[in-house]
Amino acid sequence: MRHSTIRGAAAAGMVVVSALALAACTAPSDDADRLVAFGPQGDNGSLADNSFTQEVEKKFDIDFEWQTTTYDGSVAGEKRQVSLASGDYPDAYFLVPWVDAFSRSEILKYGQQGVLVPLEDLIDEHAPALKERFEEKPDWKQSVTAPDGHIYALTQWSECFHCSFPSKLWINSAWLDTLGLEQPTTTEELREVLLAFKNGDPNGNGQQDEVPLSGESTQPIVNYFLNAFTYVPYSNGATPPLTRDGDEVQLAATTDDWREGLRYVTSLAEDGLLDTTAFTQNGDALKAIGDNASAEILGSAVSLHPYVFVSAESPDGRDTHYDALAPVAGPDGTQYATWRSPVNPLGMFALTNKSTEEERIKAIKLIDYLVTDEGDRRGAMGPEGEAWVPAEEGDVALDPELEPTFKPLTYDETSNAAWRSMAQYWDSLEYRNAQVVPEDVYSPDGYERRLLIASQAYEPYRPDESILFPSEKLWPDPDTSAELADLQTNISNYITQAQAEFVTGQRDIDDDSAWQAYLDDLDGLGVARYLELQQALYDAL
């Protein structure tokens, strides 16, 4: 299968303390000068046979011996955890954040136990490009430096602009034109548009089969709408929505404004405008609505980008019908866009105490290559002439004010010529926006420009720094990290469940006693203690 190259755009075993203590003092393995490396391997060929692997083996005199896992996150995570618990772990880890990677708690734990070795001296002596990147983006260096001053793992720096605003509402502009409507700018105007989608037969088949609004469970559908009442921080449902009032950490989901936002979303569901399966269905189910064979039936969806819910190059052209709707204003003028930081807290690359000094130097030189423009293009995209070509005279960069540098090409998804996401450490705004992208935003090759334009409509509604809680920059306290993790999981799961129950009518959002019961349940789950722990971590920044 071939398609357009789009950059940027998913059960741990029990750790035995005695085994880790023994592993921490394990001598470097006798692997006959092979770098034993752990990493995910796809179904397009082996990492050993990958042409990029073979190139860097020659370039850096590395002889890889791969311990591979899959791109299934649960399987990958379990295999990594088991290897660490048993002491049978590799010399190096090359991981993918959206598959499985080291959490901050793991980075600290294994680093302080001596399993992961500090990288800062290796970087200072053998990674000049990486040092320069840290100088360009000091937040990146700050984010990888543990409280004890060591760098035990490297993370990804990604300034994917369209990824910075994940909770977008994509609306069917073709239906707006058919019904003679303008893009709505307020919550009530949006309600009127959705009512017209439901009742006005915009697909023209004479049936009331339209789905005005839908979504899927991994992209919280309520976020876009709640932002018209209060700021909703980025979360995939795994973390409670924390914000700040000055230097005070707060839980947004307990405020009156949050309740008002849920009241509005509930009213959409009551009017038959919101497909409530959005709280439980997966991406495939959402796409089945968008790609419905008998007729175009989807009016709008909350998603990072439209190809999530409709196939590119649809036979009837419906994939070109959806445009991002800028954040709408709420009754009091509140108008926010959920923003995601470029800081990724998950560790992608780490070296263990089983590696030799020579192996460590070779490995860090490889990472240093990957954070160069040349290394990123070759490692994450593929060979020149196959995955990309240099920009030519007359080409236009994604950001027209930048000098274009390279042009992505269509690539063969079955190709085994790059590491793809496993090589993607460096993705600055300047670097990615200098790529050449066609000006036809509705063509697959012009898709990145379409996403850029959509995100530019969200940029004015990015929240002030004083509201944002920088969870991605915090390092856990080893003494309380297990307690914090349990509190976080329980509170987050409860909030997600409760908001679905309010919207679907299982709880009455207008009933003060029902709302108080929700608040009481959160108190019982330890919200006060959770906020206390998060406040302490924030104060330690």
Protein backbone atom coordinates (compact mmCIF):
# COMPACT_ATOMS: atom_id res chain seq x y z
CA MET A 1 0.00 0.00 0.00
CA ARG A 2 1.31 3.46 -0.87
CA HIS A 3 0.28 6.76 0.61
CA SER A 4 1.52 10.22 1.38
CA THR A 5 4.26 10.61 3.96
CA ILE A 6 2.80 12.45 6.97
CA ARG A 7 5.21 13.12 9.83
CA GLY A 8 4.03 13.11 13.40
CA ALA A 9 0.51 11.83 12.98
CA ALA A 10 -0.62 4.47 19.56
CA ALA A 11 0.46 -5.54 31.45
CA ALA A 12 3.58 -4.97 33.10
CA GLY A 13 5.17 -7.97 34.84
CA MET A 14 5.84 -7.63 38.56
CA VAL A 15 9.30 -6.24 39.27
CA VAL A 16 11.16 -8.31 41.81
CA VAL A 17 13.34 -6.13 44.02
CA SER A 18 15.98 -8.75 44.70
CA ALA A 19 16.35 -9.49 40.99
CA LEU A 20 16.80 -5.81 40.22
CA ALA A 21 19.30 -5.39 43.01
CA LEU A 22 21.33 -8.23 41.55
CA ALA A 23 20.90 -6.85 38.03
CA ALA A 24 22.13 -3.43 39.12
CA CYS A 25 25.61 -4.79 39.78
CA THR A 26 25.73 -7.03 36.71
CA ALA A 27 28.91 -6.70 34.70
CA PRO A 28 28.86 -5.87 30.98
CA SER A 29 27.77 -8.91 28.98
CA ASP A 30 30.19 -10.93 26.91
CA ASP A 31 28.40 -10.48 23.61
CA ALA A 32 31.40 -10.64 21.30
CA ASP A 33 31.28 -6.87 20.65
CA ARG A 34 27.63 -7.02 19.65
CA LEU A 35 25.29 -4.26 20.81
CA VAL A 36 22.30 -6.15 22.15
CA ALA A 37 19.38 -3.82 21.46
CA PHE A 38 15.70 -4.05 22.38
CA GLY A 39 13.14 -2.50 20.02
CA PRO A 40 9.74 -2.96 18.32
CA GLN A 41 9.67 -4.69 14.96
CA GLY A 42 6.84 -4.40 12.45
CA ASP A 43 5.51 -6.86 9.90
CA ASN A 44 7.40 -5.20 7.04
CA GLY A 45 10.67 -7.04 7.71
CA SER A 46 13.21 -7.58 10.45
CA LEU A 47 15.24 -4.86 12.14
CA ALA A 48 18.35 -6.85 11.34
CA ASP A 49 17.57 -6.69 7.60
CA ASN A 50 16.40 -3.08 7.69
CA SER A 51 18.55 -1.02 5.30
CA PHE A 52 18.88 1.82 7.81
CA THR A 53 20.14 -0.64 10.43
CA GLN A 54 22.72 -1.88 7.97
CA GLU A 55 23.81 1.65 7.07
CA VAL A 56 24.38 2.74 10.65
CA GLU A 57 26.15 -0.51 11.47
CA LYS A 58 28.74 0.45 8.87
CA LYS A 59 28.73 4.16 9.71
CA PHE A 60 29.32 3.67 13.44
CA ASP A 61 30.94 0.23 13.45
CA ILE A 62 28.03 -1.26 15.38
CA ASP A 63 27.10 -4.94 15.25
CA PHE A 64 23.47 -5.08 16.41
CA GLU A 65 21.92 -8.14 17.99
CA TRP A 66 18.20 -7.40 18.25
CA GLN A 67 15.77 -8.44 20.95
CA THR A 68 12.50 -7.55 19.27
CA THR A 69 8.94 -7.05 20.34
CA THR A 70 5.82 -5.92 18.48
CA TYR A 71 4.02 -2.61 18.02
CA ASP A 72 1.30 -3.86 20.36
CA GLY A 73 1.84 -1.69 23.43
CA SER A 74 0.69 -4.23 26.03
CA VAL A 75 2.86 -6.98 24.58
CA ALA A 76 5.86 -4.68 24.19
CA GLY A 77 5.53 -3.29 27.69
CA GLU A 78 5.23 -6.70 29.29
CA LYS A 79 8.29 -8.06 27.47
CA ARG A 80 10.39 -5.04 28.48
CA GLN A 81 9.27 -5.31 32.12
CA VAL A 82 9.98 -9.04 32.25
CA SER A 83 13.48 -8.54 30.83
CA LEU A 84 14.25 -5.95 33.49
CA ALA A 85 12.79 -7.98 36.35
CA SER A 86 14.69 -11.11 35.35
CA GLY A 87 18.02 -9.35 34.85
CA ASP A 88 18.14 -10.58 31.25
CA TYR A 89 18.00 -7.14 29.71
CA PRO A 90 19.92 -5.74 26.71
CA ASP A 91 22.75 -3.26 26.33
CA ALA A 92 20.44 -0.61 24.89
CA TYR A 93 16.78 0.22 24.45
CA PHE A 94 15.41 1.85 21.29
CA LEU A 95 11.71 2.45 21.98
CA VAL A 96 8.68 4.20 20.51
CA PRO A 97 6.64 6.45 22.86
CA TRP A 98 3.24 5.55 21.45
CA VAL A 99 4.03 1.83 21.74
CA ASP A 100 5.95 1.48 25.00
CA ALA A 101 8.67 3.53 26.63
CA PHE A 102 10.18 4.23 30.05
CA SER A 103 7.94 6.26 32.35
CA ARG A 104 9.56 8.87 34.55
CA SER A 105 9.14 6.61 37.57
CA GLU A 106 10.93 3.81 35.74
CA ILE A 107 13.70 6.12 34.55
CA LEU A 108 14.41 7.22 38.11
CA LYS A 109 14.09 3.74 39.59
CA TYR A 110 16.34 1.96 37.12
CA GLY A 111 18.74 4.87 36.94
CA GLN A 112 19.24 5.06 40.69
CA GLN A 113 19.56 1.27 40.88
CA GLY A 114 22.35 1.43 38.31
CA VAL A 115 20.53 -0.52 35.62
CA LEU A 116 20.35 2.54 33.34
CA VAL A 117 23.65 4.38 33.05
CA PRO A 118 23.97 8.20 33.03
CA LEU A 119 24.33 9.68 29.56
CA GLU A 120 25.38 13.28 30.24
CA ASP A 121 29.16 12.68 30.06
CA LEU A 122 28.77 10.65 26.88
CA ILE A 123 26.70 13.49 25.40
CA ASP A 124 29.25 16.12 26.42
CA GLU A 125 32.14 14.18 24.87
CA HIS A 126 30.59 12.45 21.85
CA ALA A 127 27.29 14.11 20.86
CA PRO A 128 27.90 17.68 19.65
CA ALA A 129 24.67 17.81 17.59
CA LEU A 130 22.56 16.74 20.56
CA LYS A 131 24.27 19.34 22.77
CA GLU A 132 23.38 21.96 20.18
CA ARG A 133 19.76 20.80 20.13
CA PHE A 134 19.62 21.10 23.91
CA GLU A 135 20.87 24.67 23.58
CA GLU A 136 18.23 25.41 20.94
CA LYS A 137 15.45 23.91 23.06
CA PRO A 138 16.45 24.24 26.74
CA ASP A 139 13.09 22.81 27.79
CA TRP A 140 14.17 19.54 26.19
CA LYS A 141 17.35 19.30 28.27
CA GLN A 142 15.43 20.30 31.39
CA SER A 143 12.85 17.60 30.70
CA VAL A 144 15.42 14.78 30.39
CA THR A 145 17.52 15.79 33.40
CA ALA A 146 16.49 13.91 36.54
CA PRO A 147 16.41 15.66 39.93
CA ASP A 148 19.81 14.11 40.77
CA GLY A 149 21.34 15.86 37.75
CA HIS A 150 21.74 12.76 35.60
CA ILE A 151 20.28 12.00 32.17
CA TYR A 152 19.27 8.33 32.23
CA ALA A 153 17.13 8.28 29.07
CA LEU A 154 16.46 10.44 26.05
CA THR A 155 12.96 11.51 25.08
CA GLN A 156 11.41 12.85 21.91
CA TRP A 157 11.18 16.56 21.18
CA SER A 158 8.19 17.07 18.88
CA GLU A 159 6.82 20.44 17.86
CA CYS A 160 4.29 18.96 15.48
CA PHE A 161 2.08 22.06 15.21
CA HIS A 162 -1.16 20.33 14.36
CA CYS A 163 -0.53 17.81 17.17
CA SER A 164 -0.32 20.74 19.60
CA PHE A 165 -4.12 21.16 19.34
CA PRO A 166 -5.47 17.60 19.57
CA SER A 167 -9.13 18.32 20.39
CA LYS A 168 -10.39 19.72 17.10
CA LEU A 169 -13.93 19.61 15.80
CA TRP A 170 -14.08 18.83 12.08
CA ILE A 171 -17.36 19.91 10.51
CA ASN A 172 -18.87 18.96 7.16
CA SER A 173 -18.53 22.19 5.17
CA ALA A 174 -20.29 20.64 2.17
CA TRP A 175 -23.37 20.19 4.32
CA LEU A 176 -23.11 23.78 5.54
CA ASP A 177 -23.13 24.93 1.91
CA THR A 178 -26.05 22.65 1.04
CA LEU A 179 -28.10 24.05 3.91
CA GLY A 180 -26.99 27.64 3.35
CA LEU A 181 -25.34 27.88 6.78
CA GLU A 182 -22.24 29.65 8.04
CA GLN A 183 -19.66 28.13 10.34
CA PRO A 184 -20.95 28.60 13.90
CA THR A 185 -18.99 30.78 16.33
CA THR A 186 -20.87 30.14 19.61
CA THR A 187 -22.19 27.11 21.44
CA GLU A 188 -25.79 27.98 20.59
CA GLU A 189 -25.00 28.57 16.92
CA LEU A 190 -23.29 25.18 16.92
CA ARG A 191 -26.42 23.59 18.36
CA GLU A 192 -28.52 25.12 15.55
CA VAL A 193 -26.11 23.78 12.92
CA LEU A 194 -26.23 20.27 14.41
CA LEU A 195 -30.04 20.43 14.49
CA ALA A 196 -30.01 21.37 10.80
CA PHE A 197 -27.69 18.44 10.08
CA LYS A 198 -30.13 16.13 11.85
CA ASN A 199 -33.37 17.43 10.35
CA GLY A 200 -32.43 19.09 7.05
CA ASP A 201 -31.47 15.99 5.00
CA PRO A 202 -28.09 17.46 3.95
CA ASN A 203 -27.03 14.23 2.23
CA GLY A 204 -30.18 14.45 0.08
CA ASN A 205 -31.28 10.82 0.29
CA GLY A 206 -34.67 11.58 1.79
CA GLN A 207 -33.89 9.71 5.01
CA GLN A 208 -33.08 10.98 8.48
CA ASP A 209 -29.91 8.90 8.69
CA GLU A 210 -27.48 11.71 9.41
CA VAL A 211 -25.18 11.50 12.47
CA PRO A 212 -24.64 15.17 13.40
CA LEU A 213 -21.72 14.58 15.78
CA SER A 214 -19.58 11.58 16.76
CA GLY A 215 -16.17 10.59 18.03
CA GLU A 216 -14.26 7.74 19.63
CA SER A 217 -13.16 6.80 23.13
CA THR A 218 -9.42 7.53 22.93
CA GLN A 219 -10.08 11.16 21.96
CA PRO A 220 -12.40 12.59 24.65
CA ILE A 221 -15.26 14.14 22.70
CA VAL A 222 -16.29 16.46 25.54
CA ASN A 223 -13.00 18.40 25.55
CA TYR A 224 -13.81 20.59 22.56
CA PHE A 225 -17.17 21.62 24.04
CA LEU A 226 -16.04 22.08 27.64
CA ASN A 227 -13.41 24.53 26.39
CA ALA A 228 -16.29 26.97 25.83
CA PHE A 229 -16.87 26.94 29.60
CA THR A 230 -13.47 26.32 31.20
CA TYR A 231 -10.02 25.27 30.07
CA VAL A 232 -9.64 21.53 29.52
CA PRO A 233 -6.00 20.35 29.64
CA TYR A 234 -4.68 17.67 27.32
CA SER A 235 -5.42 14.16 28.47
CA ASN A 236 -6.08 10.88 26.72
CA GLY A 237 -8.21 9.84 29.66
CA ALA A 238 -5.23 8.47 31.61
CA THR A 239 -4.66 11.54 33.77
CA PRO A 240 -7.05 13.81 35.69
CA PRO A 241 -7.53 17.30 34.17
CA LEU A 242 -5.20 19.49 36.26
CA THR A 243 -4.86 23.25 35.82
CA ARG A 244 -3.29 26.07 37.81
CA ASP A 245 -4.53 29.22 39.46
CA GLY A 246 -1.23 31.04 39.79
CA ASP A 247 0.95 28.48 41.59
CA GLU A 248 -1.95 26.49 43.02
CA VAL A 249 -2.74 23.14 41.42
CA GLN A 250 -6.44 22.53 40.79
CA LEU A 251 -8.68 19.76 39.47
CA ALA A 252 -10.79 21.28 36.70
CA ALA A 253 -13.40 18.50 36.83
CA THR A 254 -14.83 19.67 40.17
CA THR A 255 -15.64 23.27 39.20
CA ASP A 256 -19.03 24.82 38.48
CA ASP A 257 -17.79 25.76 34.99
CA TRP A 258 -17.00 22.11 34.26
CA ARG A 259 -20.51 21.20 35.33
CA GLU A 260 -21.96 23.86 33.00
CA GLY A 261 -19.94 22.43 30.15
CA LEU A 262 -21.25 18.94 30.86
CA ARG A 263 -24.77 20.37 31.02
CA TYR A 264 -24.33 21.74 27.49
CA VAL A 265 -22.95 18.45 26.11
CA THR A 266 -25.79 16.58 27.83
CA SER A 267 -28.30 18.83 26.09
CA LEU A 268 -26.77 17.91 22.73
CA ALA A 269 -27.23 14.24 23.54
CA GLU A 270 -30.82 14.82 24.68
CA ASP A 271 -31.58 16.53 21.36
CA GLY A 272 -30.22 13.53 19.46
CA LEU A 273 -27.29 15.56 18.13
CA LEU A 274 -24.46 13.65 19.82
CA ASP A 275 -23.80 10.01 19.01
CA THR A 276 -23.23 8.72 22.55
CA THR A 277 -21.38 5.63 21.32
CA ALA A 278 -18.50 8.10 21.01
CA PHE A 279 -17.75 7.34 24.67
CA THR A 280 -17.15 3.64 24.00
CA GLN A 281 -16.48 3.00 20.31
CA ASN A 282 -12.98 2.67 18.91
CA GLY A 283 -11.47 4.38 15.90
CA ASP A 284 -12.54 1.64 13.50
CA ALA A 285 -16.17 2.06 14.52
CA LEU A 286 -15.98 5.81 14.04
CA LYS A 287 -14.41 5.37 10.62
CA ALA A 288 -17.20 2.99 9.67
CA ILE A 289 -19.59 5.92 10.19
CA GLY A 290 -17.43 8.28 8.18
CA ASP A 291 -16.98 5.75 5.38
CA ASN A 292 -20.60 4.57 5.42
CA ALA A 293 -21.15 3.00 2.00
CA SER A 294 -24.82 3.80 1.40
CA ALA A 295 -24.56 7.56 2.01
CA GLU A 296 -22.44 10.26 3.57
CA ILE A 297 -23.93 10.44 7.06
CA LEU A 298 -21.34 12.10 9.35
CA GLY A 299 -21.81 15.79 10.08
CA SER A 300 -18.89 16.39 12.44
CA ALA A 301 -16.38 14.61 14.65
CA VAL A 302 -13.89 15.49 17.35
CA SER A 303 -10.47 14.19 16.29
CA LEU A 304 -6.85 15.13 15.76
CA HIS A 305 -7.31 15.01 11.98
CA PRO A 306 -10.02 13.95 9.50
CA TYR A 307 -8.31 10.82 8.13
CA VAL A 308 -9.07 9.30 11.55
CA PHE A 309 -12.77 9.15 10.66
CA VAL A 310 -12.87 9.19 6.84
CA SER A 311 -10.61 7.49 4.32
CA ALA A 312 -8.32 9.53 2.11
CA GLU A 313 -9.33 9.78 -1.54
CA SER A 314 -12.88 8.57 -0.87
CA PRO A 315 -14.66 7.72 -4.16
CA ASP A 316 -17.27 10.45 -3.62
CA GLY A 317 -14.72 12.99 -2.35
CA ARG A 318 -16.22 13.19 1.14
CA ASP A 319 -12.73 13.28 2.69
CA THR A 320 -12.45 16.83 1.32
CA HIS A 321 -15.69 17.97 2.96
CA TYR A 322 -14.40 18.38 6.52
CA ASP A 323 -12.81 21.56 7.82
CA ALA A 324 -11.74 22.37 11.35
CA LEU A 325 -14.16 24.55 13.29
CA ALA A 326 -12.31 27.08 15.43
CA PRO A 327 -13.16 26.94 19.15
CA VAL A 328 -16.64 28.31 19.73
CA ALA A 329 -17.41 30.81 22.48
CA GLY A 330 -19.51 29.85 25.46
CA PRO A 331 -22.30 31.89 27.04
CA ASP A 332 -19.85 34.14 28.91
CA GLY A 333 -17.33 34.37 26.05
CA THR A 334 -14.99 31.63 27.30
CA GLN A 335 -13.11 30.24 24.32
CA TYR A 336 -10.12 27.89 24.72
CA ALA A 337 -8.25 25.29 22.70
CA THR A 338 -6.68 22.30 24.43
CA TRP A 339 -2.91 22.54 24.00
CA ARG A 340 -0.30 19.77 24.13
CA SER A 341 3.33 20.45 25.09
CA PRO A 342 6.20 19.42 22.79
CA VAL A 343 7.84 17.81 25.82
CA ASN A 344 7.39 14.04 25.84
CA PRO A 345 8.19 12.57 29.27
CA LEU A 346 8.70 9.00 28.04
CA GLY A 347 12.21 7.61 27.62
CA MET A 348 12.97 6.30 24.11
CA PHE A 349 16.70 5.59 24.32
CA ALA A 350 18.63 4.24 27.29
CA LEU A 351 21.86 2.34 27.87
CA THR A 352 22.19 -0.30 30.57
CA ASN A 353 25.07 -1.39 32.76
CA LYS A 354 25.55 -4.41 30.49
CA SER A 355 26.99 -2.25 27.72
CA THR A 356 30.71 -1.63 27.42
CA GLU A 357 32.21 1.85 27.27
CA GLU A 358 33.00 1.34 23.57
CA GLU A 359 29.41 0.29 22.86
CA ARG A 360 28.08 3.31 24.74
CA ILE A 361 30.18 5.69 22.67
CA LYS A 362 29.02 4.12 19.41
CA ALA A 363 25.38 4.17 20.49
CA ILE A 364 25.41 7.83 21.58
CA LYS A 365 27.07 8.77 18.28
CA LEU A 366 24.17 7.06 16.51
CA ILE A 367 21.67 9.10 18.55
CA ASP A 368 23.69 12.22 17.77
CA TYR A 369 23.27 11.44 14.07
CA LEU A 370 19.52 10.93 14.47
CA VAL A 371 19.00 14.45 15.86
CA THR A 372 20.57 16.01 12.76
CA ASP A 373 18.33 16.90 9.85
CA GLU A 374 20.13 14.36 7.67
CA GLY A 375 19.87 11.60 10.24
CA ASP A 376 16.22 12.24 10.99
CA ARG A 377 15.24 12.18 7.33
CA ARG A 378 17.19 8.98 6.67
CA GLY A 379 16.21 7.20 9.88
CA ALA A 380 12.60 8.28 10.31
CA MET A 381 11.56 8.76 6.68
CA GLY A 382 13.81 6.66 4.47
CA PRO A 383 16.40 6.98 1.71
CA GLU A 384 16.73 10.08 -0.44
CA GLY A 385 14.94 9.55 -3.73
CA GLU A 386 12.55 7.00 -2.22
CA ALA A 387 11.04 8.77 0.78
CA TRP A 388 12.11 12.36 0.15
CA VAL A 389 14.04 14.60 -2.23
CA PRO A 390 15.78 17.94 -1.70
CA ALA A 391 13.70 21.05 -2.32
CA GLU A 392 13.94 22.61 -5.76
CA GLU A 393 13.55 26.14 -7.04
CA GLY A 394 9.90 27.14 -6.99
CA ASP A 395 8.95 24.76 -4.15
CA VAL A 396 6.93 26.23 -1.29
CA ALA A 397 7.58 25.23 2.31
CA LEU A 398 4.78 24.33 4.70
CA ASP A 399 5.50 27.70 6.29
CA PRO A 400 5.84 29.95 3.22
CA GLU A 401 8.13 32.27 5.17
CA LEU A 402 10.74 29.53 5.55
CA GLU A 403 13.28 28.37 2.98
CA PRO A 404 12.12 24.91 1.82
CA THR A 405 14.58 22.10 2.54
CA PHE A 406 13.07 18.74 1.58
CA LYS A 407 10.01 17.30 -0.11
CA PRO A 408 8.37 14.11 1.26
CA LEU A 409 7.43 11.53 -1.36
CA THR A 410 4.90 8.75 -1.31
CA TYR A 411 6.41 5.69 0.27
CA ASP A 412 5.75 2.01 0.23
CA GLU A 413 4.40 1.07 3.65
CA THR A 414 5.83 -2.41 3.26
CA SER A 415 9.32 -0.97 2.77
CA ASN A 416 11.97 -2.01 5.31
CA ALA A 417 14.26 0.95 4.70
CA ALA A 418 13.80 3.13 7.81
CA TRP A 419 13.23 2.90 11.56
CA ARG A 420 10.24 5.27 11.30
CA SER A 421 9.07 6.34 14.76
CA MET A 422 11.95 4.56 16.49
CA ALA A 423 14.32 7.11 14.93
CA GLN A 424 12.22 10.21 15.58
CA TYR A 425 13.93 12.14 18.37
CA TRP A 426 14.03 15.60 16.82
CA ASP A 427 11.06 17.35 15.26
CA SER A 428 11.31 21.08 15.78
CA LEU A 429 8.74 23.48 14.37
CA GLU A 430 11.38 25.06 12.15
CA TYR A 431 12.54 21.71 10.80
CA ARG A 432 9.13 20.23 10.00
CA ASN A 433 7.68 23.48 8.64
CA ALA A 434 10.50 23.75 6.11
CA GLN A 435 9.27 20.64 4.29
CA VAL A 436 7.72 21.14 0.86
CA VAL A 437 3.96 20.55 0.84
CA PRO A 438 1.65 21.04 -2.18
CA GLU A 439 -0.74 23.97 -1.93
CA ASP A 440 -3.83 21.85 -2.72
CA VAL A 441 -4.85 21.22 0.88
CA TYR A 442 -7.51 18.67 -0.04
CA SER A 443 -5.11 16.37 -1.86
CA PRO A 444 -3.44 13.63 0.21
CA ASP A 445 -0.02 15.13 -0.51
CA GLY A 446 -1.25 18.53 0.68
CA TYR A 447 -2.76 17.12 3.87
CA GLU A 448 -0.07 18.53 6.18
CA ARG A 449 -0.86 22.04 4.94
CA ARG A 450 -4.55 21.43 5.58
CA LEU A 451 -3.71 20.48 9.17
CA LEU A 452 -1.46 23.53 9.55
CA ILE A 453 -4.23 25.89 8.43
CA ALA A 454 -6.69 24.17 10.73
CA SER A 455 -4.34 24.54 13.69
CA GLN A 456 -3.69 28.19 12.94
CA ALA A 457 -7.39 28.77 13.67
CA TYR A 458 -6.84 27.25 17.12
CA GLU A 459 -3.61 29.07 17.99
CA PRO A 460 -5.32 32.30 19.19
CA TYR A 461 -7.18 30.27 21.82
CA ARG A 462 -4.15 28.57 23.32
CA PRO A 463 -4.29 29.11 27.10
CA ASP A 464 -1.99 31.39 29.00
CA GLU A 465 0.96 29.69 30.70
CA SER A 466 -0.49 30.66 34.09
CA ILE A 467 -3.33 28.14 33.53
CA LEU A 468 -1.26 25.22 32.30
CA PHE A 469 -0.11 22.53 34.70
CA PRO A 470 3.23 21.18 33.35
CA SER A 471 2.70 17.52 34.25
CA GLU A 472 5.07 16.42 31.48
CA LYS A 473 7.97 18.21 33.21
CA LEU A 474 7.49 16.76 36.69
CA TRP A 475 9.66 14.04 38.19
CA PRO A 476 8.04 11.66 40.68
CA ASP A 477 9.15 11.30 44.27
CA PRO A 478 10.22 7.65 44.63
CA ASP A 479 8.70 7.55 48.12
CA THR A 480 5.24 8.50 46.87
CA SER A 481 5.24 7.52 43.18
CA ALA A 482 3.30 4.27 43.70
CA GLU A 483 0.67 6.06 45.77
CA LEU A 484 0.42 8.85 43.21
CA ALA A 485 0.04 6.39 40.33
CA ASP A 486 -2.82 4.58 42.08
CA LEU A 487 -4.61 7.83 42.92
CA GLN A 488 -4.17 9.08 39.36
CA THR A 489 -5.60 5.94 37.78
CA ASN A 490 -8.59 5.74 40.11
CA ILE A 491 -9.48 9.43 39.87
CA SER A 492 -9.04 9.62 36.11
CA ASN A 493 -11.10 6.50 35.47
CA TYR A 494 -13.87 7.79 37.69
CA ILE A 495 -14.02 11.21 36.02
CA THR A 496 -14.15 9.59 32.56
CA GLN A 497 -16.89 7.21 33.62
CA ALA A 498 -18.93 9.87 35.43
CA GLN A 499 -18.89 12.39 32.59
CA ALA A 500 -20.18 9.71 30.18
CA GLU A 501 -22.92 8.84 32.67
CA PHE A 502 -23.94 12.49 33.05
CA VAL A 503 -24.06 13.03 29.28
CA THR A 504 -26.00 9.83 28.59
CA GLY A 505 -28.52 10.52 31.35
CA GLN A 506 -27.50 7.76 33.76
CA ARG A 507 -26.82 10.61 36.19
CA ASP A 508 -28.79 13.85 36.22
CA ILE A 509 -26.47 16.79 35.63
CA ASP A 510 -29.24 19.17 36.80
CA ASP A 511 -29.67 17.35 40.11
CA ASP A 512 -27.58 19.06 42.80
CA SER A 513 -27.53 15.91 44.89
CA ALA A 514 -26.19 13.89 41.95
CA TRP A 515 -23.43 16.43 41.39
CA GLN A 516 -22.62 16.45 45.12
CA ALA A 517 -22.45 12.67 45.11
CA TYR A 518 -19.93 12.90 42.25
CA LEU A 519 -17.81 15.37 44.24
CA ASP A 520 -18.08 13.21 47.36
CA ASP A 521 -16.98 10.14 45.42
CA LEU A 522 -13.92 12.03 44.18
CA ASP A 523 -13.13 13.07 47.74
CA GLY A 524 -13.39 9.43 48.75
CA LEU A 525 -10.91 8.49 46.02
CA GLY A 526 -8.33 10.82 47.56
CA VAL A 527 -8.46 13.98 45.45
CA ALA A 528 -7.10 16.10 48.32
CA ARG A 529 -4.09 13.82 48.72
CA TYR A 530 -3.58 13.63 44.95
CA LEU A 531 -3.52 17.43 44.67
CA GLU A 532 -1.16 17.63 47.66
CA LEU A 533 1.31 15.27 45.97
CA GLN A 534 1.07 17.05 42.61
CA GLN A 535 1.52 20.41 44.32
CA ALA A 536 4.72 19.16 45.96
CA LEU A 537 6.10 17.97 42.62
CA TYR A 538 5.20 21.27 40.98
CA ASP A 539 6.81 23.28 43.80
CA ALA A 540 10.01 21.26 43.32
CA LEU A 541 10.39 22.36 39.69
